[in-house]
Amino acid sequence: MDDRFQDTMETGELPPIRAAHRRDPRLIPALAAFGVIGIVFLVMAFLAVNSLINVNNTPPVAKVSVPPTSSIKTAVPTATNTPQSQIIYINGTPQPTYTPFPTYTPQPTYTPQPTNAPQPTATPAGQLPAPWTNMDIGSPAIQGSSTYSNDLYTLTASGNDIWGTSDQFQYMYQNWNGSGYIVAEVNSISKTNSWTKAGIMIRASTSPTDVYAYIMVTPGNGVDFQWRSSNGSSAQWNGSEINASAPVWLDLTINGSTYTGYYSTDSQSWHKVFSVTFDVGSNPLVGLALTSHSANALAQATFSNVSVYTGGGN
């Protein structure tokens, strides 16, 4: 039996085998060879990395690792639009410097201006606003007129009368169709005659003998209602005078073939004067009528708050 094994059996301890191995002279050449190989590997790695960092010993501003055929672009210019100078190296060869194009500045967008809507044309002083027109009916001796200014209508007229079988007066009128009513305030009337008449009329035509219905005020005979129911016949009236004078509100309500006259002193409380029924034809005229009741003298009346409504009545 080996003495070392005998000693182990007697003492219970293993022999110092590892110590004997460390002292083995055959390990020294192997370790030296591995050390040399490691040093050479480290030196080669260092040189390779250093060649990538500093090619031709020139410090780079920017470093790009791309294939030789790749397109090279620098960073976008700064917010101040000042291009940054950069040199690009590929495999040690400096590349042309990229100069960015100027930044595009958007131009203001054209904003179309709104088209000015046409404004209502003011009616020149003295001229009647559409659709009003005027004429003398029955050829009175002195020519009359109708004018407009500042919401006030002014009529002047001569004429024998609106009465009998034929009439003479100044008429400011427009076409009428259907049912409705016409309202006006008679602000003033000259006292050319106590029977000078100013008011609202519906009439079949401009013929002096044609049919009509008429609510009016006079300087001396109050508010009255009169009519002619057939062409060329004698005119008629309500038979009693209403005690009222200008300024006064008048209303002529048209409901089919029925014509009713009203008056008011405040435009709020309305009073019926009279009502008649007959046909005034298919194309009647409505408007303001004034006669002086004197062939050789002019009368004048003013009207305001003139309104024409269709489709209803008081």
Protein backbone atom coordinates (compact mmCIF):
# COMPACT_ATOMS: atom_id res chain seq x y z
CA MET A 1 0.00 0.00 0.00
CA ASP A 2 1.20 3.58 -0.86
CA ASP A 3 2.54 5.40 2.16
CA ARG A 4 0.28 8.44 1.43
CA PHE A 5 -2.81 6.18 1.43
CA GLN A 6 -1.58 4.53 4.61
CA ASP A 7 -1.17 7.94 6.22
CA THR A 8 -4.71 8.84 5.16
CA MET A 9 -6.15 5.78 6.64
CA GLU A 10 -4.30 6.47 9.89
CA THR A 11 -4.89 10.22 10.10
CA GLY A 12 -8.22 10.64 8.16
CA GLU A 13 -6.77 13.48 5.93
CA LEU A 14 -6.28 13.50 2.13
CA PRO A 15 -2.82 14.06 0.75
CA PRO A 16 -1.91 17.54 -0.57
CA ILE A 17 -2.50 16.73 -4.24
CA ARG A 18 -3.40 20.38 -5.39
CA ALA A 19 -0.23 21.75 -3.88
CA ALA A 20 1.76 19.21 -5.82
CA HIS A 21 -0.04 20.27 -9.04
CA ARG A 22 0.68 24.01 -8.57
CA ARG A 23 4.29 23.18 -8.27
CA ASP A 24 4.19 21.20 -11.52
CA PRO A 25 6.70 22.87 -13.94
CA ARG A 26 4.71 21.75 -17.03
CA LEU A 27 1.98 24.40 -16.40
CA ILE A 28 4.25 27.44 -16.76
CA PRO A 29 4.78 27.29 -20.59
CA ALA A 30 1.02 26.89 -21.21
CA LEU A 31 0.09 29.88 -19.06
CA ALA A 32 2.73 32.04 -20.73
CA ALA A 33 1.37 31.19 -24.19
CA PHE A 34 -2.19 32.11 -23.21
CA GLY A 35 -0.99 35.44 -21.76
CA VAL A 36 0.82 36.42 -24.94
CA ILE A 37 -2.20 35.56 -27.10
CA GLY A 38 -4.49 37.69 -24.84
CA ILE A 39 -2.19 40.68 -24.98
CA VAL A 40 -2.01 40.50 -28.79
CA PHE A 41 -5.81 40.30 -29.05
CA LEU A 42 -6.29 43.35 -26.82
CA VAL A 43 -3.78 45.40 -28.82
CA MET A 44 -5.45 44.50 -32.13
CA ALA A 45 -8.90 45.38 -30.76
CA PHE A 46 -7.64 48.72 -29.47
CA LEU A 47 -6.09 49.59 -32.82
CA ALA A 48 -9.27 48.63 -34.70
CA VAL A 49 -11.47 50.80 -32.48
CA ASN A 50 -9.04 53.68 -32.62
CA SER A 51 -8.98 53.57 -36.44
CA LEU A 52 -12.75 53.97 -36.50
CA ILE A 53 -12.68 56.91 -34.07
CA ASN A 54 -9.80 58.80 -35.59
CA VAL A 55 -9.16 58.09 -39.26
CA ASN A 56 -5.98 59.77 -40.54
CA ASN A 57 -5.61 61.42 -37.11
CA THR A 58 -8.36 64.03 -38.11
CA PRO A 59 -10.88 64.86 -35.38
CA PRO A 60 -14.43 64.44 -36.88
CA VAL A 61 -17.28 66.93 -36.46
CA ALA A 62 -19.87 64.32 -37.33
CA LYS A 63 -19.51 60.60 -37.69
CA VAL A 64 -21.73 58.61 -40.04
CA SER A 65 -21.37 54.91 -40.66
CA VAL A 66 -23.06 54.13 -43.98
CA PRO A 67 -22.30 52.13 -47.10
CA PRO A 68 -20.28 54.05 -49.76
CA THR A 69 -23.33 54.38 -52.05
CA SER A 70 -25.66 55.86 -49.43
CA SER A 71 -27.02 59.42 -49.62
CA ILE A 72 -25.76 61.64 -46.83
CA LYS A 73 -27.83 64.46 -45.29
CA THR A 74 -27.04 66.65 -42.35
CA ALA A 75 -29.45 67.65 -39.63
CA VAL A 76 -32.27 70.07 -40.37
CA PRO A 77 -31.18 73.71 -39.86
CA THR A 78 -31.82 75.19 -36.46
CA ALA A 79 -34.79 77.36 -35.63
CA THR A 80 -32.79 80.44 -36.62
CA ASN A 81 -32.53 79.02 -40.17
CA THR A 82 -28.67 79.28 -39.99
CA PRO A 83 -27.11 76.24 -41.69
CA GLN A 84 -24.61 74.29 -39.51
CA SER A 85 -21.19 73.58 -41.05
CA GLN A 86 -20.52 69.83 -40.94
CA ILE A 87 -17.88 67.63 -42.60
CA ILE A 88 -18.77 64.05 -43.37
CA TYR A 89 -16.04 61.39 -43.65
CA ILE A 90 -16.55 58.03 -45.29
CA ASN A 91 -13.57 55.65 -45.17
CA GLY A 92 -11.32 58.61 -44.41
CA THR A 93 -12.51 60.68 -47.43
CA PRO A 94 -14.26 64.02 -46.72
CA GLN A 95 -17.68 64.29 -48.45
CA PRO A 96 -19.27 67.44 -50.00
CA THR A 97 -21.00 69.62 -47.46
CA TYR A 98 -24.84 69.59 -47.66
CA THR A 99 -26.34 73.07 -47.74
CA PRO A 100 -30.03 73.06 -46.74
CA PHE A 101 -32.51 74.99 -48.85
CA PRO A 102 -34.14 78.11 -47.31
CA THR A 103 -37.12 77.35 -45.13
CA TYR A 104 -40.45 77.92 -46.93
CA THR A 105 -42.50 80.66 -45.34
CA PRO A 106 -46.26 80.26 -46.00
CA GLN A 107 -47.88 83.34 -47.50
CA PRO A 108 -51.06 84.79 -45.97
CA THR A 109 -54.20 83.14 -47.31
CA TYR A 110 -56.48 85.47 -49.24
CA THR A 111 -59.77 85.88 -47.47
CA PRO A 112 -62.62 86.95 -49.78
CA GLN A 113 -64.44 89.98 -48.48
CA PRO A 114 -68.20 89.71 -48.06
CA THR A 115 -70.19 91.16 -50.88
CA ASN A 116 -72.03 94.23 -49.80
CA ALA A 117 -75.74 93.58 -49.96
CA PRO A 118 -77.59 96.21 -51.96
CA GLN A 119 -79.14 98.78 -49.68
CA PRO A 120 -82.66 100.10 -50.18
CA THR A 121 -82.62 103.22 -52.27
CA ALA A 122 -83.84 106.27 -50.41
CA THR A 123 -86.75 108.04 -52.01
CA PRO A 124 -85.69 111.55 -53.07
CA ALA A 125 -87.60 114.31 -51.33
CA GLY A 126 -90.81 115.09 -53.22
CA GLN A 127 -90.82 111.82 -55.18
CA LEU A 128 -93.41 109.19 -54.29
CA PRO A 129 -92.00 105.84 -53.15
CA ALA A 130 -92.93 102.78 -55.20
CA PRO A 131 -95.53 101.53 -55.91
CA TRP A 132 -97.37 104.80 -55.47
CA THR A 133 -98.25 107.06 -58.43
CA ASN A 134 -100.63 110.01 -58.83
CA MET A 135 -102.76 111.96 -61.27
CA ASP A 136 -105.59 114.49 -61.47
CA ILE A 137 -108.95 112.78 -62.08
CA GLY A 138 -111.58 114.63 -64.16
CA SER A 139 -109.28 117.44 -65.43
CA PRO A 140 -109.66 120.05 -62.67
CA ALA A 141 -108.94 123.67 -63.63
CA ILE A 142 -105.80 123.89 -61.44
CA GLN A 143 -103.28 121.07 -61.52
CA GLY A 144 -102.78 119.19 -58.29
CA SER A 145 -99.81 117.18 -56.96
CA SER A 146 -98.71 114.45 -54.53
CA THR A 147 -95.29 114.51 -52.81
CA TYR A 148 -93.46 112.58 -50.12
CA SER A 149 -90.84 113.66 -47.56
CA ASN A 150 -89.86 112.39 -44.10
CA ASP A 151 -92.72 109.87 -43.96
CA LEU A 152 -95.24 112.60 -44.77
CA TYR A 153 -97.43 112.63 -47.88
CA THR A 154 -98.67 116.03 -49.05
CA LEU A 155 -101.51 116.35 -51.57
CA THR A 156 -102.68 119.56 -53.24
CA ALA A 157 -105.81 119.68 -55.38
CA SER A 158 -108.54 121.82 -56.86
CA GLY A 159 -111.69 120.31 -58.37
CA ASN A 160 -115.40 120.84 -58.18
CA ASP A 161 -116.07 117.86 -55.90
CA ILE A 162 -116.15 114.11 -55.48
CA TRP A 163 -119.90 113.82 -55.88
CA GLY A 164 -122.75 113.58 -58.39
CA THR A 165 -122.09 111.58 -61.55
CA SER A 166 -118.51 112.75 -62.21
CA ASP A 167 -115.55 113.69 -60.01
CA GLN A 168 -112.58 116.13 -59.98
CA PHE A 169 -109.72 115.52 -57.52
CA GLN A 170 -106.04 114.58 -56.99
CA TYR A 171 -105.51 110.82 -56.56
CA MET A 172 -102.37 109.10 -55.18
CA TYR A 173 -102.91 105.38 -55.76
CA GLN A 174 -101.59 101.86 -56.39
CA ASN A 175 -103.06 98.64 -57.74
CA TRP A 176 -105.15 96.45 -55.46
CA ASN A 177 -106.00 92.75 -55.43
CA GLY A 178 -108.03 90.72 -52.94
CA SER A 179 -109.10 91.65 -49.41
CA GLY A 180 -107.39 93.77 -46.78
CA TYR A 181 -107.36 97.33 -45.53
CA ILE A 182 -105.70 100.74 -45.95
CA VAL A 183 -104.90 102.94 -42.96
CA ALA A 184 -103.76 106.56 -42.86
CA GLU A 185 -103.67 109.46 -40.42
CA VAL A 186 -104.94 112.74 -41.85
CA ASN A 187 -102.69 115.19 -40.04
CA SER A 188 -104.12 118.39 -41.52
CA ILE A 189 -106.54 119.72 -44.13
CA SER A 190 -106.88 123.29 -45.36
CA LYS A 191 -110.28 124.93 -45.04
CA THR A 192 -110.62 125.95 -48.66
CA ASN A 193 -114.28 124.98 -48.33
CA SER A 194 -116.27 123.40 -45.50
CA TRP A 195 -116.70 120.42 -47.83
CA THR A 196 -113.07 120.10 -48.84
CA LYS A 197 -112.52 116.34 -48.62
CA ALA A 198 -109.41 114.27 -47.77
CA GLY A 199 -109.42 110.51 -47.23
CA ILE A 200 -108.97 106.92 -48.46
CA MET A 201 -110.60 105.63 -51.67
CA ILE A 202 -110.95 102.37 -53.63
CA ARG A 203 -111.92 103.03 -57.26
CA ALA A 204 -112.54 100.88 -60.34
CA SER A 205 -110.37 103.08 -62.61
CA THR A 206 -109.15 106.64 -63.23
CA SER A 207 -112.33 107.45 -65.17
CA PRO A 208 -114.14 110.39 -63.46
CA THR A 209 -117.49 108.60 -63.64
CA ASP A 210 -116.44 105.17 -62.36
CA VAL A 211 -117.54 103.38 -59.18
CA TYR A 212 -115.80 103.99 -55.83
CA ALA A 213 -116.05 103.82 -52.03
CA TYR A 214 -114.57 106.69 -49.96
CA ILE A 215 -114.01 107.37 -46.23
CA MET A 216 -113.00 111.03 -45.67
CA VAL A 217 -112.74 113.97 -43.25
CA THR A 218 -113.77 117.58 -43.95
CA PRO A 219 -112.89 120.91 -42.29
CA GLY A 220 -116.51 121.72 -41.44
CA ASN A 221 -118.65 118.59 -41.82
CA GLY A 222 -116.83 115.94 -39.82
CA VAL A 223 -116.07 112.38 -41.01
CA ASP A 224 -118.26 110.92 -43.78
CA PHE A 225 -118.58 107.89 -46.04
CA GLN A 226 -119.78 108.01 -49.67
CA TRP A 227 -119.81 105.79 -52.78
CA ARG A 228 -120.94 105.31 -56.38
CA SER A 229 -122.13 101.79 -57.07
CA SER A 230 -122.38 101.88 -60.87
CA ASN A 231 -120.53 103.75 -63.57
CA GLY A 232 -122.08 107.18 -64.27
CA SER A 233 -124.69 106.94 -61.51
CA SER A 234 -125.11 109.54 -58.76
CA ALA A 235 -122.97 109.27 -55.64
CA GLN A 236 -124.48 108.52 -52.20
CA TRP A 237 -123.39 109.02 -48.60
CA ASN A 238 -124.04 107.60 -45.12
CA GLY A 239 -126.57 110.37 -44.30
CA SER A 240 -125.10 111.68 -41.05
CA GLU A 241 -121.90 113.50 -40.14
CA ILE A 242 -119.48 112.08 -37.53
CA ASN A 243 -118.23 114.79 -35.23
CA ALA A 244 -114.48 114.49 -35.79
CA SER A 245 -111.78 116.57 -37.46
CA ALA A 246 -108.11 116.36 -38.41
CA PRO A 247 -105.86 115.03 -37.06
CA VAL A 248 -107.81 111.80 -37.33
CA TRP A 249 -107.10 108.19 -38.34
CA LEU A 250 -109.11 106.64 -41.19
CA ASP A 251 -109.43 102.99 -42.27
CA LEU A 252 -111.02 101.49 -45.40
CA THR A 253 -111.49 97.73 -45.01
CA ILE A 254 -112.10 95.64 -48.14
CA ASN A 255 -113.62 92.19 -47.75
CA GLY A 256 -114.46 90.82 -51.18
CA SER A 257 -117.11 93.20 -52.53
CA THR A 258 -117.92 94.78 -49.16
CA TYR A 259 -116.30 98.11 -48.23
CA THR A 260 -116.40 99.47 -44.67
CA GLY A 261 -115.14 102.81 -43.36
CA TYR A 262 -113.76 103.36 -39.82
CA TYR A 263 -112.24 106.29 -37.92
CA SER A 264 -110.18 106.68 -34.74
CA THR A 265 -108.77 109.58 -32.78
CA ASP A 266 -105.92 107.56 -31.24
CA SER A 267 -105.36 104.58 -33.66
CA GLN A 268 -106.42 102.23 -30.85
CA SER A 269 -110.22 102.51 -30.56
CA TRP A 270 -111.93 102.27 -33.95
CA HIS A 271 -115.49 103.27 -34.80
CA LYS A 272 -117.50 102.07 -37.77
CA VAL A 273 -118.93 104.79 -40.03
CA PHE A 274 -120.69 102.83 -42.78
CA SER A 275 -120.53 99.72 -44.99
CA VAL A 276 -121.68 98.99 -48.59
CA THR A 277 -121.50 96.07 -50.99
CA PHE A 278 -121.05 96.26 -54.78
CA ASP A 279 -118.46 95.28 -57.40
CA VAL A 280 -115.56 97.62 -58.24
CA GLY A 281 -114.16 95.37 -60.97
CA SER A 282 -111.17 93.03 -61.27
CA ASN A 283 -108.35 95.63 -61.26
CA PRO A 284 -109.27 98.33 -58.74
CA LEU A 285 -107.04 101.09 -57.41
CA VAL A 286 -106.60 102.16 -53.77
CA GLY A 287 -105.07 105.30 -52.31
CA LEU A 288 -105.48 108.83 -50.99
CA ALA A 289 -107.91 111.35 -52.53
CA LEU A 290 -108.26 115.14 -52.08
CA THR A 291 -110.64 117.66 -53.65
CA SER A 292 -110.87 121.34 -52.78
CA HIS A 293 -114.61 121.52 -53.61
CA SER A 294 -113.73 124.74 -55.43
CA ALA A 295 -112.84 124.77 -59.14
CA ASN A 296 -110.54 127.80 -58.91
CA ALA A 297 -108.82 127.20 -55.57
CA LEU A 298 -106.28 124.72 -54.28
CA ALA A 299 -106.60 122.79 -51.06
CA GLN A 300 -103.85 120.94 -49.23
CA ALA A 301 -103.86 117.90 -46.91
CA THR A 302 -101.05 115.96 -45.22
CA PHE A 303 -101.06 112.23 -44.42
CA SER A 304 -98.77 110.05 -42.32
CA ASN A 305 -98.66 106.42 -41.11
CA VAL A 306 -99.96 105.29 -44.49
CA SER A 307 -100.11 101.50 -44.65
CA VAL A 308 -101.62 99.06 -47.13
CA TYR A 309 -102.38 95.52 -45.87
CA THR A 310 -103.73 92.58 -47.78
CA GLY A 311 -105.34 89.49 -46.31
CA GLY A 312 -107.26 91.05 -43.44
CA GLY A 313 -108.99 94.06 -41.93
CA ASN A 314 -110.17 95.66 -38.69
